[in-house]
C-alpha atoms as a PDB file:
ATOM      1  CA  MET A   1       0.000   0.000   0.000  1.00  0.00           C
ATOM      2  CA  ASP A   2       1.228   3.502  -0.774  1.00  0.00           C
ATOM      3  CA  TRP A   3       1.099   5.503   2.427  1.00  0.00           C
ATOM      4  CA  PRO A   4       1.193   9.300   2.395  1.00  0.00           C
ATOM      5  CA  CYS A   5       3.618   9.216   5.351  1.00  0.00           C
ATOM      6  CA  PHE A   6       6.194   6.903   6.872  1.00  0.00           C
ATOM      7  CA  VAL A   7       7.411   7.453  10.422  1.00  0.00           C
ATOM      8  CA  ARG A   8      10.422   5.763  11.996  1.00  0.00           C
ATOM      9  CA  VAL A   9       9.989   5.392  15.766  1.00  0.00           C
ATOM     10  CA  PHE A  10      13.287   4.729  17.549  1.00  0.00           C
ATOM     11  CA  ASN A  11      13.469   2.205  20.348  1.00  0.00           C
ATOM     12  CA  PRO A  12      15.579   4.001  22.935  1.00  0.00           C
ATOM     13  CA  ALA A  13      18.976   2.740  23.931  1.00  0.00           C
ATOM     14  CA  LYS A  14      19.375   1.974  27.613  1.00  0.00           C
ATOM     15  CA  ALA A  15      21.708   3.496  30.168  1.00  0.00           C
ATOM     16  CA  HIS A  16      23.370   1.156  32.649  1.00  0.00           C
ATOM     17  CA  ASP A  17      20.465   1.799  35.060  1.00  0.00           C
ATOM     18  CA  ASP A  18      18.008   0.776  32.267  1.00  0.00           C
ATOM     19  CA  SER A  19      16.696   4.321  31.821  1.00  0.00           C
ATOM     20  CA  PRO A  20      15.912   5.201  28.183  1.00  0.00           C
ATOM     21  CA  VAL A  21      18.457   7.131  26.100  1.00  0.00           C
ATOM     22  CA  ARG A  22      17.332   8.864  22.898  1.00  0.00           C
ATOM     23  CA  TRP A  23      19.314   8.271  19.720  1.00  0.00           C
ATOM     24  CA  ALA A  24      19.765  12.031  19.204  1.00  0.00           C
ATOM     25  CA  GLU A  25      21.626  12.190  22.532  1.00  0.00           C
ATOM     26  CA  LEU A  26      24.146   9.596  21.351  1.00  0.00           C
ATOM     27  CA  SER A  27      25.263  11.409  18.235  1.00  0.00           C
ATOM     28  CA  PRO A  28      23.908  14.955  17.904  1.00  0.00           C
ATOM     29  CA  GLY A  29      23.569  16.196  14.347  1.00  0.00           C
ATOM     30  CA  VAL A  30      23.310  12.769  12.711  1.00  0.00           C
ATOM     31  CA  ASP A  31      20.563  12.286  10.096  1.00  0.00           C
ATOM     32  CA  LEU A  32      18.367   9.968  12.157  1.00  0.00           C
ATOM     33  CA  ALA A  33      16.063   9.173   9.239  1.00  0.00           C
ATOM     34  CA  ARG A  34      18.852   7.117   7.662  1.00  0.00           C
ATOM     35  CA  ALA A  35      20.987   6.237  10.699  1.00  0.00           C
ATOM     36  CA  SER A  36      21.652   2.652  11.675  1.00  0.00           C
ATOM     37  CA  TRP A  37      22.754   1.647  15.152  1.00  0.00           C
ATOM     38  CA  GLU A  38      26.250   1.052  13.730  1.00  0.00           C
ATOM     39  CA  SER A  39      26.469   4.424  11.959  1.00  0.00           C
ATOM     40  CA  LEU A  40      25.280   6.119  15.152  1.00  0.00           C
ATOM     41  CA  THR A  41      27.543   4.364  17.650  1.00  0.00           C
ATOM     42  CA  GLY A  42      30.312   2.728  15.620  1.00  0.00           C
ATOM     43  CA  ARG A  43      29.248  -0.652  17.009  1.00  0.00           C
ATOM     44  CA  ARG A  44      27.592  -3.470  15.111  1.00  0.00           C
ATOM     45  CA  TRP A  45      23.997  -4.293  16.007  1.00  0.00           C
ATOM     46  CA  GLN A  46      23.732  -7.120  18.548  1.00  0.00           C
ATOM     47  CA  SER A  47      27.354  -6.875  19.612  1.00  0.00           C
ATOM     48  CA  ASP A  48      26.530  -5.397  23.007  1.00  0.00           C
ATOM     49  CA  ASN A  49      29.373  -5.772  25.437  1.00  0.00           C
ATOM     50  CA  PRO A  50      28.213  -4.655  28.909  1.00  0.00           C
ATOM     51  CA  GLY A  51      30.401  -1.939  30.340  1.00  0.00           C
ATOM     52  CA  SER A  52      32.191  -1.184  27.069  1.00  0.00           C
ATOM     53  CA  PHE A  53      29.949   1.677  25.971  1.00  0.00           C
ATOM     54  CA  PRO A  54      27.911   4.257  27.882  1.00  0.00           C
ATOM     55  CA  VAL A  55      24.625   2.729  26.728  1.00  0.00           C
ATOM     56  CA  HIS A  56      23.199  -0.660  25.816  1.00  0.00           C
ATOM     57  CA  GLU A  57      21.475  -1.440  22.533  1.00  0.00           C
ATOM     58  CA  PRO A  58      17.777  -0.763  22.154  1.00  0.00           C
ATOM     59  CA  ASP A  59      15.321  -3.610  22.568  1.00  0.00           C
ATOM     60  CA  GLU A  60      14.275  -5.158  19.278  1.00  0.00           C
ATOM     61  CA  GLY A  61      11.090  -4.083  17.523  1.00  0.00           C
ATOM     62  CA  ALA A  62       7.962  -4.653  19.566  1.00  0.00           C
ATOM     63  CA  ASP A  63       9.975  -5.781  22.622  1.00  0.00           C
ATOM     64  CA  SER A  64      10.643  -2.168  23.625  1.00  0.00           C
ATOM     65  CA  HIS A  65       7.852  -1.129  25.985  1.00  0.00           C
ATOM     66  CA  ASN A  66       9.297   2.409  25.895  1.00  0.00           C
ATOM     67  CA  SER A  67       8.193   2.672  22.256  1.00  0.00           C
ATOM     68  CA  ARG A  68       5.364   0.132  22.138  1.00  0.00           C
ATOM     69  CA  VAL A  69       3.224   1.601  24.928  1.00  0.00           C
ATOM     70  CA  PRO A  70       2.937   5.208  23.677  1.00  0.00           C
ATOM     71  CA  LEU A  71       2.784   4.135  20.024  1.00  0.00           C
ATOM     72  CA  MET A  72      -0.053   1.686  20.669  1.00  0.00           C
ATOM     73  CA  GLN A  73      -1.884   4.339  22.708  1.00  0.00           C
ATOM     74  CA  VAL A  74      -1.687   6.784  19.793  1.00  0.00           C
ATOM     75  CA  LEU A  75      -2.717   4.211  17.193  1.00  0.00           C
ATOM     76  CA  LEU A  76      -5.500   2.472  19.112  1.00  0.00           C
ATOM     77  CA  GLU A  77      -7.100   5.839  19.975  1.00  0.00           C
ATOM     78  CA  ARG A  78      -7.183   6.783  16.280  1.00  0.00           C
ATOM     79  CA  ALA A  79      -7.888   3.421  14.651  1.00  0.00           C
ATOM     80  CA  THR A  80     -10.697   3.135  12.145  1.00  0.00           C
ATOM     81  CA  GLY A  81     -12.591  -0.126  12.545  1.00  0.00           C
ATOM     82  CA  ALA A  82     -11.145  -3.340  13.917  1.00  0.00           C
ATOM     83  CA  VAL A  83      -7.412  -3.557  14.638  1.00  0.00           C
ATOM     84  CA  SER A  84      -5.354  -6.675  13.912  1.00  0.00           C
ATOM     85  CA  VAL A  85      -2.044  -7.642  15.497  1.00  0.00           C
ATOM     86  CA  GLY A  86       0.413 -10.071  13.971  1.00  0.00           C
ATOM     87  CA  GLN A  87       3.136 -11.755  16.026  1.00  0.00           C
ATOM     88  CA  TRP A  88       6.083 -13.134  14.033  1.00  0.00           C
ATOM     89  CA  ASP A  89       5.809 -16.929  13.829  1.00  0.00           C
ATOM     90  CA  GLY A  90       9.546 -17.463  14.325  1.00  0.00           C
ATOM     91  CA  TYR A  91       9.553 -16.839  18.065  1.00  0.00           C
ATOM     92  CA  CYS A  92       9.699 -19.855  20.322  1.00  0.00           C
ATOM     93  CA  LEU A  93       6.456 -18.696  21.893  1.00  0.00           C
ATOM     94  CA  PRO A  94       3.126 -20.493  22.043  1.00  0.00           C
ATOM     95  CA  ARG A  95       0.774 -19.677  19.202  1.00  0.00           C
ATOM     96  CA  PRO A  96      -1.680 -17.013  20.424  1.00  0.00           C
ATOM     97  CA  GLU A  97      -5.097 -18.484  21.162  1.00  0.00           C
ATOM     98  CA  GLY A  98      -7.580 -17.981  18.341  1.00  0.00           C
ATOM     99  CA  SER A  99      -4.941 -16.722  15.907  1.00  0.00           C
ATOM    100  CA  ARG A 100      -4.828 -17.361  12.189  1.00  0.00           C
ATOM    101  CA  HIS A 101      -1.545 -17.847  10.331  1.00  0.00           C
ATOM    102  CA  VAL A 102      -0.825 -15.240   7.647  1.00  0.00           C
ATOM    103  CA  VAL A 103       2.156 -15.456   5.292  1.00  0.00           C
ATOM    104  CA  ILE A 104       3.457 -12.414   3.377  1.00  0.00           C
ATOM    105  CA  ASN A 105       6.403 -11.470   1.154  1.00  0.00           C
ATOM    106  CA  GLY A 106       6.105 -14.510  -1.073  1.00  0.00           C
ATOM    107  CA  GLY A 107       6.033 -16.898   1.869  1.00  0.00           C
ATOM    108  CA  HIS A 108       9.180 -15.507   3.512  1.00  0.00           C
ATOM    109  CA  ARG A 109       7.460 -14.029   6.563  1.00  0.00           C
ATOM    110  CA  GLY A 110       4.669 -15.459   8.686  1.00  0.00           C
ATOM    111  CA  TYR A 111       2.569 -14.048  11.503  1.00  0.00           C
ATOM    112  CA  PHE A 112       0.007 -15.310  13.973  1.00  0.00           C
ATOM    113  CA  VAL A 113      -2.770 -12.733  13.664  1.00  0.00           C
ATOM    114  CA  VAL A 114      -5.512 -11.872  16.147  1.00  0.00           C
ATOM    115  CA  GLU A 115      -8.058  -9.080  16.327  1.00  0.00           C
ATOM    116  CA  VAL A 116      -7.474  -6.622  19.156  1.00  0.00           C
ATOM    117  CA  THR A 117     -10.065  -7.071  21.892  1.00  0.00           C
ATOM    118  CA  PRO A 118     -10.515  -4.527  24.709  1.00  0.00           C
ATOM    119  CA  GLU A 119      -8.430  -6.815  26.949  1.00  0.00           C
ATOM    120  CA  LEU A 120      -5.600  -7.119  24.396  1.00  0.00           C
ATOM    121  CA  GLY A 121      -5.779  -3.368  23.741  1.00  0.00           C
ATOM    122  CA  ARG A 122      -5.132  -2.719  27.438  1.00  0.00           C
ATOM    123  CA  ALA A 123      -2.253  -5.224  27.455  1.00  0.00           C
ATOM    124  CA  LEU A 124      -0.622  -3.575  24.420  1.00  0.00           C
ATOM    125  CA  THR A 125      -0.631  -0.222  26.227  1.00  0.00           C
ATOM    126  CA  GLU A 126       0.907  -1.499  29.480  1.00  0.00           C
ATOM    127  CA  PRO A 127       4.661  -1.961  30.117  1.00  0.00           C
ATOM    128  CA  ALA A 128       4.409  -5.705  30.861  1.00  0.00           C
ATOM    129  CA  ASP A 129       4.881  -8.042  27.899  1.00  0.00           C
ATOM    130  CA  PRO A 130       1.545  -8.436  26.101  1.00  0.00           C
ATOM    131  CA  PRO A 131       0.205 -11.894  25.218  1.00  0.00           C
ATOM    132  CA  VAL A 132       0.781 -11.098  21.523  1.00  0.00           C
ATOM    133  CA  LEU A 133       3.834  -9.107  20.408  1.00  0.00           C
ATOM    134  CA  PRO A 134       2.777  -6.426  17.903  1.00  0.00           C
ATOM    135  CA  ASN A 135       5.278  -7.089  15.112  1.00  0.00           C
ATOM    136  CA  ARG A 136       2.601  -6.054  12.581  1.00  0.00           C
ATOM    137  CA  VAL A 137      -0.430  -3.939  13.457  1.00  0.00           C
ATOM    138  CA  TRP A 138      -3.059  -2.478  11.138  1.00  0.00           C
ATOM    139  CA  ASP A 139      -6.578  -1.168  11.263  1.00  0.00           C
ATOM    140  CA  GLU A 140      -9.534  -2.121   9.124  1.00  0.00           C
ATOM    141  CA  GLY A 141      -9.898   1.433   7.827  1.00  0.00           C
ATOM    142  CA  GLY A 142      -6.380   1.434   6.386  1.00  0.00           C
ATOM    143  CA  THR A 143      -5.077   4.439   8.311  1.00  0.00           C
ATOM    144  CA  PHE A 144      -1.862   2.756   9.507  1.00  0.00           C
ATOM    145  CA  LEU A 145       0.385  -0.289   9.262  1.00  0.00           C
ATOM    146  CA  VAL A 146       3.084  -0.952  11.863  1.00  0.00           C
ATOM    147  CA  ASP A 147       6.206  -2.921  10.948  1.00  0.00           C
ATOM    148  CA  ALA A 148       8.289  -3.660  14.048  1.00  0.00           C
ATOM    149  CA  ASP A 149       9.966  -6.545  12.292  1.00  0.00           C
ATOM    150  CA  THR A 150      12.276  -5.116   9.606  1.00  0.00           C
ATOM    151  CA  ASP A 151      14.614  -2.505  11.109  1.00  0.00           C
ATOM    152  CA  LEU A 152      14.935  -4.091  14.523  1.00  0.00           C
ATOM    153  CA  PRO A 153      16.079  -1.124  16.646  1.00  0.00           C
ATOM    154  CA  SER A 154      13.130   0.918  15.427  1.00  0.00           C
ATOM    155  CA  ILE A 155       9.509   0.592  14.360  1.00  0.00           C
ATOM    156  CA  ILE A 156       8.278   1.770  10.953  1.00  0.00           C
ATOM    157  CA  VAL A 157       4.721   3.070  10.590  1.00  0.00           C
ATOM    158  CA  GLY A 158       3.068   3.714   7.231  1.00  0.00           C
ATOM    159  CA  CYS A 159       0.125   5.996   7.887  1.00  0.00           C
ATOM    160  CA  THR A 160      -2.051   8.975   7.097  1.00  0.00           C
ATOM    161  CA  ALA A 161      -0.758  12.500   7.685  1.00  0.00           C
ATOM    162  CA  GLN A 162      -3.038  12.821  10.734  1.00  0.00           C
ATOM    163  CA  ILE A 163      -1.624   9.668  12.340  1.00  0.00           C
ATOM    164  CA  ALA A 164       1.947  10.774  11.530  1.00  0.00           C
ATOM    165  CA  ALA A 165       1.318  14.130  13.215  1.00  0.00           C
ATOM    166  CA  ALA A 166      -0.104  12.394  16.302  1.00  0.00           C
ATOM    167  CA  ILE A 167       2.936  10.101  16.544  1.00  0.00           C
ATOM    168  CA  GLU A 168       5.293  13.069  16.185  1.00  0.00           C
ATOM    169  CA  ALA A 169       3.360  14.990  18.862  1.00  0.00           C
ATOM    170  CA  GLU A 170       3.731  12.180  21.438  1.00  0.00           C
ATOM    171  CA  PRO A 171       6.577  13.391  23.718  1.00  0.00           C
ATOM    172  CA  ARG A 172       7.478   9.870  24.875  1.00  0.00           C
ATOM    173  CA  LEU A 173       8.431   8.865  21.321  1.00  0.00           C
ATOM    174  CA  GLU A 174      11.576   9.747  19.417  1.00  0.00           C
ATOM    175  CA  CYS A 175      10.673   9.626  15.748  1.00  0.00           C
ATOM    176  CA  VAL A 176      11.262  11.103  12.329  1.00  0.00           C
ATOM    177  CA  ARG A 177       9.432  10.967   9.012  1.00  0.00           C
ATOM    178  CA  VAL A 178      11.286   8.905   6.450  1.00  0.00           C
ATOM    179  CA  ASN A 179      11.327   8.333   2.727  1.00  0.00           C
ATOM    180  CA  PRO A 180      10.720   4.610   2.135  1.00  0.00           C
ATOM    181  CA  HIS A 181      13.008   4.728  -0.904  1.00  0.00           C
ATOM    182  CA  ASP A 182      15.933   6.241   1.034  1.00  0.00           C
ATOM    183  CA  PRO A 183      17.598   3.278   2.757  1.00  0.00           C
ATOM    184  CA  ILE A 184      19.000   3.174   6.248  1.00  0.00           C
ATOM    185  CA  GLN A 185      22.794   3.403   6.191  1.00  0.00           C
ATOM    186  CA  VAL A 186      24.729   0.512   7.650  1.00  0.00           C
END
């Protein structure tokens, strides 16, 4: 789907006390729209060596409650129609109850998909791990699609201009609009 806007939401790095650290604090002046963890810090992704750097790597994709909670609050408040959540099928987690299996990208990616109930909606907006990780999230009205499964230290949202503005206005999120044809530098 061609979205009018794409927003990259950064999962914060973590200080040694586990407090969140924004990417812009790590390397002021860097073009965050195209920055990779390696271009920002000089360290390869998933090479965290405790104590060797002032911060630890961000959590991957939907695992970061610092990004997931405010992002889900923004999206669920503005969703049009039913909302579906897809959890990547490659985790060693039990299949979510009542889920259907959906395969995309020519069979290269699979998700266990459930519709968001009021109970699941509350769980997605709380810091504790939800029963379904939101690796893909979309609404029936087609106003947004979340991809927390491609660029692991961040979450990509294709959305309407109104949703993009709401994400950018959320002070708990560090984000930037991106051009989907302008790749992240590694």
